[in-house]
Amino acid sequence: MKTVKKRRRQNKTDYLGRLKLLKSGKPRVVFRKTNKYIIAQYVTSEQAQDKVVLGVTSKDLTKQGWKKEFGSLKSIPAGYLTGYLIGKQIIKKNLETPIADFGMHRVLHKTKTYAFLKGLIDSGIKITCEKGFPDNEKIKAKVDVEKIKLKIDKL
């Protein structure tokens, strides 16, 4: 009888996926969703010990011009802008190019996870991904994305 680790039973950790990411030796950009926000962290690992170097939440978008009329801070536009924000901060601090870590989240095409990835790519991070992104109309729905991107670029 095989025992299953507690974090796997709770659907918090995919140990096989984590091992593959750790073996790569590269830092990761970790994407997480909560009930209200999107969290993005730049994480390095040394001897399986994670260290968060940089962290951003979609709540930080309110400082960049996100208004309540734009809707939820866990929407597709918020995911895109959160990815864009952390990407610009990674470039500004001259950190190594990361790989994306979505953890236990189901990665479906044209969702906020791919919007986050598109934001990373648009900020200048070299991540290879060609398809699955949401349409530009969905990313810009009710949100003045370009105005917020300009504010992020000035940081």
Protein backbone atom coordinates (compact mmCIF):
# COMPACT_ATOMS: atom_id res chain seq x y z
CA MET A 1 0.00 0.00 0.00
CA LYS A 2 1.42 3.34 -1.09
CA THR A 3 1.12 6.30 1.27
CA VAL A 4 0.24 9.62 -0.27
CA LYS A 5 1.78 12.78 1.11
CA LYS A 6 -0.51 15.19 2.92
CA ARG A 7 -0.08 18.13 0.47
CA ARG A 8 -0.92 15.82 -2.45
CA ARG A 9 -4.09 14.59 -0.72
CA GLN A 10 -5.10 18.23 -0.18
CA ASN A 11 -4.45 18.97 -3.90
CA LYS A 12 -1.82 21.58 -3.03
CA THR A 13 1.38 20.05 -4.48
CA ASP A 14 2.14 18.01 -7.58
CA TYR A 15 5.46 16.50 -6.50
CA LEU A 16 6.37 15.09 -9.92
CA GLY A 17 5.76 18.47 -11.60
CA ARG A 18 7.68 20.27 -8.84
CA LEU A 19 10.64 17.90 -9.23
CA LYS A 20 10.79 18.58 -12.98
CA LEU A 21 10.78 22.34 -12.37
CA LEU A 22 13.48 22.09 -9.70
CA LYS A 23 15.71 19.92 -11.92
CA SER A 24 15.70 22.63 -14.58
CA GLY A 25 17.73 24.85 -12.24
CA LYS A 26 15.96 27.96 -13.51
CA PRO A 27 13.97 30.43 -11.43
CA ARG A 28 10.19 30.27 -11.74
CA VAL A 29 7.36 32.71 -12.07
CA VAL A 30 4.64 31.20 -9.91
CA PHE A 31 1.02 31.99 -10.81
CA ARG A 32 -1.68 31.53 -8.17
CA LYS A 33 -5.36 32.49 -7.97
CA THR A 34 -7.22 33.31 -4.78
CA ASN A 35 -10.89 34.14 -4.33
CA LYS A 36 -10.21 37.85 -4.97
CA TYR A 37 -6.78 38.28 -6.53
CA ILE A 38 -4.07 36.90 -8.77
CA ILE A 39 -0.67 36.40 -7.16
CA ALA A 40 2.59 36.24 -9.10
CA GLN A 41 5.96 35.50 -7.52
CA TYR A 42 9.50 35.22 -8.88
CA VAL A 43 10.94 32.24 -6.98
CA THR A 44 14.44 30.76 -6.88
CA SER A 45 15.23 27.36 -5.39
CA GLU A 46 18.37 26.14 -3.70
CA GLN A 47 18.44 22.56 -2.43
CA ALA A 48 14.63 22.40 -2.71
CA GLN A 49 14.28 25.50 -0.52
CA ASP A 50 12.19 28.15 -2.26
CA LYS A 51 13.02 31.83 -1.89
CA VAL A 52 10.59 34.48 -3.10
CA VAL A 53 12.67 37.24 -4.69
CA LEU A 54 9.83 39.34 -6.07
CA GLY A 55 6.07 39.28 -5.52
CA VAL A 56 3.14 41.06 -7.16
CA THR A 57 -0.62 40.78 -6.71
CA SER A 58 -3.40 42.08 -8.90
CA LYS A 59 -4.26 44.42 -6.01
CA ASP A 60 -1.13 46.40 -7.00
CA LEU A 61 -2.98 47.35 -10.20
CA THR A 62 -5.13 49.78 -8.20
CA LYS A 63 -1.99 51.93 -7.76
CA GLN A 64 -1.53 51.90 -11.54
CA GLY A 65 -5.03 53.15 -12.41
CA TRP A 66 -7.31 50.10 -12.10
CA LYS A 67 -10.82 51.31 -11.27
CA LYS A 68 -13.76 49.45 -9.73
CA GLU A 69 -15.71 49.87 -12.98
CA PHE A 70 -13.15 47.63 -14.69
CA GLY A 71 -14.46 44.69 -12.68
CA SER A 72 -12.80 41.92 -10.73
CA LEU A 73 -9.10 41.85 -9.91
CA LYS A 74 -8.99 38.19 -10.95
CA SER A 75 -10.34 38.70 -14.48
CA ILE A 76 -8.57 38.10 -17.79
CA PRO A 77 -7.46 41.77 -18.11
CA ALA A 78 -6.20 41.71 -14.50
CA GLY A 79 -4.25 38.52 -15.23
CA TYR A 80 -2.69 40.10 -18.31
CA LEU A 81 -1.69 43.28 -16.46
CA THR A 82 -0.35 41.34 -13.45
CA GLY A 83 1.88 39.33 -15.81
CA TYR A 84 2.96 42.54 -17.51
CA LEU A 85 3.74 44.19 -14.15
CA ILE A 86 5.89 41.34 -12.80
CA GLY A 87 7.62 41.00 -16.17
CA LYS A 88 8.64 44.67 -16.15
CA GLN A 89 9.93 44.34 -12.58
CA ILE A 90 11.97 41.24 -13.51
CA ILE A 91 13.55 43.13 -16.40
CA LYS A 92 14.16 46.25 -14.28
CA LYS A 93 16.05 44.21 -11.64
CA ASN A 94 18.02 42.28 -14.31
CA LEU A 95 16.87 38.90 -13.00
CA GLU A 96 17.38 35.66 -14.93
CA THR A 97 14.68 34.61 -17.40
CA PRO A 98 12.20 32.38 -15.52
CA ILE A 99 9.98 29.48 -16.46
CA ALA A 100 6.24 29.53 -15.76
CA ASP A 101 4.86 27.49 -12.85
CA PHE A 102 1.09 27.13 -12.69
CA GLY A 103 1.10 24.53 -9.93
CA MET A 104 -2.10 22.52 -9.55
CA HIS A 105 -4.21 24.93 -11.64
CA ARG A 106 -5.76 23.52 -14.78
CA VAL A 107 -4.22 25.35 -17.69
CA LEU A 108 -6.98 25.87 -20.26
CA HIS A 109 -6.64 27.86 -23.47
CA LYS A 110 -7.94 31.44 -23.54
CA THR A 111 -8.18 31.80 -19.76
CA LYS A 112 -6.53 34.09 -17.21
CA THR A 113 -3.49 31.80 -16.96
CA TYR A 114 -2.73 32.35 -20.64
CA ALA A 115 -3.55 36.06 -20.28
CA PHE A 116 -0.93 36.18 -17.50
CA LEU A 117 1.57 34.42 -19.79
CA LYS A 118 0.81 36.89 -22.60
CA GLY A 119 1.44 39.77 -20.19
CA LEU A 120 4.83 38.27 -19.33
CA ILE A 121 5.74 37.91 -23.00
CA ASP A 122 4.53 41.43 -23.88
CA SER A 123 6.67 42.87 -21.07
CA GLY A 124 9.79 41.47 -22.74
CA ILE A 125 10.36 38.14 -20.97
CA LYS A 126 11.50 35.44 -23.40
CA ILE A 127 9.04 32.59 -22.82
CA THR A 128 8.14 30.34 -25.74
CA CYS A 129 4.41 29.98 -26.22
CA GLU A 130 2.59 30.58 -29.50
CA LYS A 131 -1.05 29.70 -29.02
CA GLY A 132 -3.79 29.56 -26.46
CA PHE A 133 -3.90 33.27 -25.67
CA PRO A 134 -7.24 35.03 -25.17
CA ASP A 135 -8.38 37.45 -27.88
CA ASN A 136 -7.29 41.07 -27.57
CA GLU A 137 -10.95 42.08 -27.24
CA LYS A 138 -11.24 39.97 -24.05
CA ILE A 139 -8.01 41.38 -22.65
CA LYS A 140 -9.12 44.96 -23.26
CA ALA A 141 -12.77 44.44 -22.29
CA LYS A 142 -13.99 47.47 -20.28
CA VAL A 143 -10.39 48.17 -19.22
CA ASP A 144 -8.04 50.90 -20.42
CA VAL A 145 -5.13 48.45 -20.68
CA GLU A 146 -2.84 50.75 -22.68
CA LYS A 147 -3.13 53.56 -20.12
CA ILE A 148 -2.26 51.20 -17.25
CA LYS A 149 0.63 49.71 -19.27
CA LEU A 150 2.06 53.21 -19.76
CA LYS A 151 1.97 53.79 -16.00
CA ILE A 152 3.69 50.45 -15.39
CA ASP A 153 6.38 51.30 -17.94
CA LYS A 154 7.18 54.51 -16.03
CA LEU A 155 7.96 52.60 -12.80
